[in-house]
């Protein structure tokens, strides 16, 4: 399980880490929708990116692994931020043939 040592430690998480690239790309792609991915975690950031027209859609992966009903909870006003801390243990587990789920509380 060598990959655990490389992938399981917390990453240096930055919010909206692809937003600067999106800001450069969006004006030159015309009417083609832009999907922003990377570090999307809070409802406030999501709403701002969309209302400022920095992106047309948002994409998340790890937050939905930890909280499959996150979008529903946000819509109901029960959550304003994803609980995912981007520790990458979910992906490290997959590379080691473990089920895809959040392992923030520890790996088997």
C-alpha atoms as a PDB file:
ATOM      1  CA  UNK A   1       0.000   0.000   0.000  1.00  0.00           C
ATOM      2  CA  UNK A   2       2.684   2.441  -1.031  1.00  0.00           C
ATOM      3  CA  UNK A   3       0.221   4.885  -2.550  1.00  0.00           C
ATOM      4  CA  UNK A   4      -1.266   5.621   0.881  1.00  0.00           C
ATOM      5  CA  UNK A   5       1.976   7.305   1.877  1.00  0.00           C
ATOM      6  CA  UNK A   6       1.874   9.499  -1.219  1.00  0.00           C
ATOM      7  CA  UNK A   7      -1.862  10.232  -1.365  1.00  0.00           C
ATOM      8  CA  UNK A   8      -3.320   9.976   2.125  1.00  0.00           C
ATOM      9  CA  UNK A   9      -1.796  13.040   3.732  1.00  0.00           C
ATOM     10  CA  UNK A  10      -3.828  16.250   3.517  1.00  0.00           C
ATOM     11  CA  UNK A  11      -3.178  18.270   0.395  1.00  0.00           C
ATOM     12  CA  UNK A  12      -2.446  21.965   0.447  1.00  0.00           C
ATOM     13  CA  UNK A  13      -6.026  22.932  -0.215  1.00  0.00           C
ATOM     14  CA  UNK A  14      -6.839  26.253  -1.805  1.00  0.00           C
ATOM     15  CA  UNK A  15     -10.359  27.467  -2.417  1.00  0.00           C
ATOM     16  CA  UNK A  16     -11.444  27.744  -6.050  1.00  0.00           C
ATOM     17  CA  UNK A  17      -7.940  26.914  -7.254  1.00  0.00           C
ATOM     18  CA  UNK A  18      -8.911  26.920 -10.953  1.00  0.00           C
ATOM     19  CA  UNK A  19     -10.823  30.230 -10.788  1.00  0.00           C
ATOM     20  CA  UNK A  20      -7.893  32.323 -12.103  1.00  0.00           C
ATOM     21  CA  UNK A  21      -7.729  30.078 -15.183  1.00  0.00           C
ATOM     22  CA  UNK A  22     -11.508  30.237 -15.616  1.00  0.00           C
ATOM     23  CA  UNK A  23     -11.375  34.033 -15.530  1.00  0.00           C
ATOM     24  CA  UNK A  24      -8.942  33.979 -18.460  1.00  0.00           C
ATOM     25  CA  UNK A  25     -10.717  31.272 -20.451  1.00  0.00           C
ATOM     26  CA  UNK A  26     -14.350  32.386 -20.080  1.00  0.00           C
ATOM     27  CA  UNK A  27     -14.070  35.587 -22.167  1.00  0.00           C
ATOM     28  CA  UNK A  28     -12.500  33.787 -25.140  1.00  0.00           C
ATOM     29  CA  UNK A  29     -14.792  30.753 -25.450  1.00  0.00           C
ATOM     30  CA  UNK A  30     -17.842  32.701 -26.522  1.00  0.00           C
ATOM     31  CA  UNK A  31     -21.173  31.025 -25.796  1.00  0.00           C
ATOM     32  CA  UNK A  32     -19.607  27.713 -24.805  1.00  0.00           C
ATOM     33  CA  UNK A  33     -20.463  26.924 -21.157  1.00  0.00           C
ATOM     34  CA  UNK A  34     -17.566  26.805 -18.720  1.00  0.00           C
ATOM     35  CA  UNK A  35     -17.583  24.330 -15.822  1.00  0.00           C
ATOM     36  CA  UNK A  36     -15.470  25.380 -12.841  1.00  0.00           C
ATOM     37  CA  UNK A  37     -13.880  22.548 -10.896  1.00  0.00           C
ATOM     38  CA  UNK A  38     -11.380  22.547  -8.054  1.00  0.00           C
ATOM     39  CA  UNK A  39     -11.804  23.746  -4.508  1.00  0.00           C
ATOM     40  CA  UNK A  40     -15.511  24.520  -4.769  1.00  0.00           C
ATOM     41  CA  UNK A  41     -16.677  24.162  -1.169  1.00  0.00           C
ATOM     42  CA  UNK A  42     -18.940  26.948   0.132  1.00  0.00           C
ATOM     43  CA  UNK A  43     -22.367  28.018  -1.019  1.00  0.00           C
ATOM     44  CA  UNK A  44     -21.247  31.653  -0.912  1.00  0.00           C
ATOM     45  CA  UNK A  45     -18.309  30.932  -3.268  1.00  0.00           C
ATOM     46  CA  UNK A  46     -20.578  28.952  -5.578  1.00  0.00           C
ATOM     47  CA  UNK A  47     -23.171  31.700  -5.793  1.00  0.00           C
ATOM     48  CA  UNK A  48     -20.508  34.373  -6.346  1.00  0.00           C
ATOM     49  CA  UNK A  49     -18.723  32.446  -9.121  1.00  0.00           C
ATOM     50  CA  UNK A  50     -22.029  31.971 -10.919  1.00  0.00           C
ATOM     51  CA  UNK A  51     -23.447  35.473 -10.344  1.00  0.00           C
ATOM     52  CA  UNK A  52     -20.138  37.088 -11.396  1.00  0.00           C
ATOM     53  CA  UNK A  53     -20.307  34.932 -14.545  1.00  0.00           C
ATOM     54  CA  UNK A  54     -16.898  33.381 -13.847  1.00  0.00           C
ATOM     55  CA  UNK A  55     -18.473  30.000 -14.654  1.00  0.00           C
ATOM     56  CA  UNK A  56     -21.731  28.626 -15.998  1.00  0.00           C
ATOM     57  CA  UNK A  57     -21.660  25.406 -13.984  1.00  0.00           C
ATOM     58  CA  UNK A  58     -19.769  24.078 -10.968  1.00  0.00           C
ATOM     59  CA  UNK A  59     -18.281  20.629 -10.489  1.00  0.00           C
ATOM     60  CA  UNK A  60     -17.389  18.821  -7.291  1.00  0.00           C
ATOM     61  CA  UNK A  61     -16.183  15.303  -6.588  1.00  0.00           C
ATOM     62  CA  UNK A  62     -14.695  14.759  -3.139  1.00  0.00           C
ATOM     63  CA  UNK A  63     -17.428  16.730  -1.321  1.00  0.00           C
ATOM     64  CA  UNK A  64     -20.053  14.337  -2.719  1.00  0.00           C
ATOM     65  CA  UNK A  65     -18.009  11.325  -1.647  1.00  0.00           C
ATOM     66  CA  UNK A  66     -18.131  12.597   1.935  1.00  0.00           C
ATOM     67  CA  UNK A  67     -21.696  13.965   1.726  1.00  0.00           C
ATOM     68  CA  UNK A  68     -23.768  12.370  -1.064  1.00  0.00           C
ATOM     69  CA  UNK A  69     -26.764  14.609  -0.241  1.00  0.00           C
ATOM     70  CA  UNK A  70     -24.775  17.858   0.026  1.00  0.00           C
ATOM     71  CA  UNK A  71     -26.643  19.645  -2.793  1.00  0.00           C
ATOM     72  CA  UNK A  72     -30.002  18.762  -1.246  1.00  0.00           C
ATOM     73  CA  UNK A  73     -28.849  19.936   2.195  1.00  0.00           C
ATOM     74  CA  UNK A  74     -27.621  23.225   0.721  1.00  0.00           C
ATOM     75  CA  UNK A  75     -30.897  23.738  -1.127  1.00  0.00           C
ATOM     76  CA  UNK A  76     -32.803  23.116   2.123  1.00  0.00           C
ATOM     77  CA  UNK A  77     -30.589  25.625   3.961  1.00  0.00           C
ATOM     78  CA  UNK A  78     -29.119  22.913   6.200  1.00  0.00           C
ATOM     79  CA  UNK A  79     -25.539  23.361   4.957  1.00  0.00           C
ATOM     80  CA  UNK A  80     -23.509  26.295   3.701  1.00  0.00           C
ATOM     81  CA  UNK A  81     -20.201  24.512   3.266  1.00  0.00           C
ATOM     82  CA  UNK A  82     -18.946  21.063   2.323  1.00  0.00           C
ATOM     83  CA  UNK A  83     -17.442  19.055   5.168  1.00  0.00           C
ATOM     84  CA  UNK A  84     -14.740  17.659   2.845  1.00  0.00           C
ATOM     85  CA  UNK A  85     -11.237  18.708   3.902  1.00  0.00           C
ATOM     86  CA  UNK A  86      -9.583  17.356   0.724  1.00  0.00           C
ATOM     87  CA  UNK A  87      -7.447  14.829   2.558  1.00  0.00           C
ATOM     88  CA  UNK A  88      -7.425  12.593  -0.563  1.00  0.00           C
ATOM     89  CA  UNK A  89      -7.854   9.420   1.470  1.00  0.00           C
ATOM     90  CA  UNK A  90     -10.905   8.546  -0.648  1.00  0.00           C
ATOM     91  CA  UNK A  91      -8.784   8.427  -3.803  1.00  0.00           C
ATOM     92  CA  UNK A  92      -5.876   6.675  -2.101  1.00  0.00           C
ATOM     93  CA  UNK A  93      -8.302   3.957  -1.021  1.00  0.00           C
ATOM     94  CA  UNK A  94      -9.520   3.415  -4.590  1.00  0.00           C
ATOM     95  CA  UNK A  95      -5.955   2.962  -5.836  1.00  0.00           C
ATOM     96  CA  UNK A  96      -5.606   0.252  -3.206  1.00  0.00           C
ATOM     97  CA  UNK A  97      -8.813  -1.527  -4.262  1.00  0.00           C
ATOM     98  CA  UNK A  98     -10.865  -0.341  -1.292  1.00  0.00           C
ATOM     99  CA  UNK A  99     -14.443   0.939  -1.719  1.00  0.00           C
ATOM    100  CA  UNK A 100     -14.908   4.579  -2.662  1.00  0.00           C
ATOM    101  CA  UNK A 101     -15.989   6.431   0.476  1.00  0.00           C
ATOM    102  CA  UNK A 102     -14.686   9.088   2.826  1.00  0.00           C
ATOM    103  CA  UNK A 103     -11.839   7.843   5.025  1.00  0.00           C
ATOM    104  CA  UNK A 104     -11.114  11.127   6.835  1.00  0.00           C
ATOM    105  CA  UNK A 105     -11.592   9.325  10.156  1.00  0.00           C
ATOM    106  CA  UNK A 106      -8.995   6.735   9.280  1.00  0.00           C
ATOM    107  CA  UNK A 107      -8.021   4.139   6.729  1.00  0.00           C
ATOM    108  CA  UNK A 108      -8.553   0.432   7.352  1.00  0.00           C
END
